[in-house]
Amino acid sequence: MLSMACKDVGYQCGFTAEAESEPELMKKVMEHAKKDHGMKDSDFTPEMVAKVKSVVKKV
């Protein structure tokens, strides 16, 4: 199981996502970021994706 917390990438947000795979986790994170932080697809640059992936933990 993989997990990441929004606060770990610098947002003051209590959101945490868990998933069995990285693609599934990234989908949840991106959906949350769009819905709750007003992000657009163009905001998910390679640097942003790398930042998110760098804080993913195995739980």
Protein backbone atom coordinates (compact mmCIF):
# COMPACT_ATOMS: atom_id res chain seq x y z
CA MET A 1 0.00 0.00 0.00
CA LEU A 2 1.23 3.48 -0.89
CA SER A 3 0.30 6.72 0.84
CA MET A 4 0.90 10.46 0.46
CA ALA A 5 -0.26 13.51 2.36
CA CYS A 6 -1.00 16.84 0.75
CA LYS A 7 0.82 18.62 3.60
CA ASP A 8 4.03 16.83 2.57
CA VAL A 9 4.14 18.81 -0.68
CA GLY A 10 3.60 22.12 1.05
CA TYR A 11 -0.16 22.58 1.24
CA GLN A 12 -1.96 23.30 4.51
CA CYS A 13 -4.41 20.50 3.85
CA GLY A 14 -5.41 17.36 5.73
CA PHE A 15 -5.91 15.22 2.62
CA THR A 16 -4.20 11.83 2.55
CA ALA A 17 -4.47 9.31 -0.28
CA GLU A 18 -3.78 5.59 -0.20
CA ALA A 19 -3.65 3.12 -3.05
CA GLU A 20 -2.17 -0.21 -4.06
CA SER A 21 -0.23 1.21 -7.01
CA GLU A 22 1.51 4.45 -7.95
CA PRO A 23 -0.76 5.15 -10.95
CA GLU A 24 -3.85 4.67 -8.78
CA LEU A 25 -2.40 6.93 -6.07
CA MET A 26 -1.49 9.65 -8.57
CA LYS A 27 -5.02 9.55 -9.99
CA LYS A 28 -6.47 10.15 -6.51
CA VAL A 29 -3.98 12.94 -5.81
CA MET A 30 -4.67 14.68 -9.11
CA GLU A 31 -8.45 14.46 -8.64
CA HIS A 32 -8.09 15.98 -5.16
CA ALA A 33 -5.77 18.74 -6.37
CA LYS A 34 -8.20 19.70 -9.14
CA LYS A 35 -11.28 19.63 -6.91
CA ASP A 36 -9.94 21.16 -3.71
CA HIS A 37 -7.00 23.28 -4.85
CA GLY A 38 -8.28 24.48 -8.22
CA MET A 39 -5.39 22.96 -10.14
CA LYS A 40 -5.61 22.28 -13.88
CA ASP A 41 -4.01 19.53 -15.95
CA SER A 42 -1.36 22.02 -17.06
CA ASP A 43 -0.31 22.48 -13.41
CA PHE A 44 0.90 18.88 -13.26
CA THR A 45 4.32 19.55 -14.72
CA PRO A 46 7.02 16.88 -14.59
CA GLU A 47 8.52 18.79 -11.65
CA MET A 48 5.21 18.77 -9.73
CA VAL A 49 4.67 15.07 -10.41
CA ALA A 50 8.25 14.34 -9.24
CA LYS A 51 7.63 16.36 -6.06
CA VAL A 52 4.49 14.36 -5.30
CA LYS A 53 6.20 11.05 -6.03
CA SER A 54 9.11 12.02 -3.75
CA VAL A 55 6.81 12.09 -0.70
CA VAL A 56 5.02 8.78 -1.38
CA LYS A 57 5.43 6.32 1.49
CA LYS A 58 4.93 2.58 1.68
CA VAL A 59 2.50 1.74 4.46
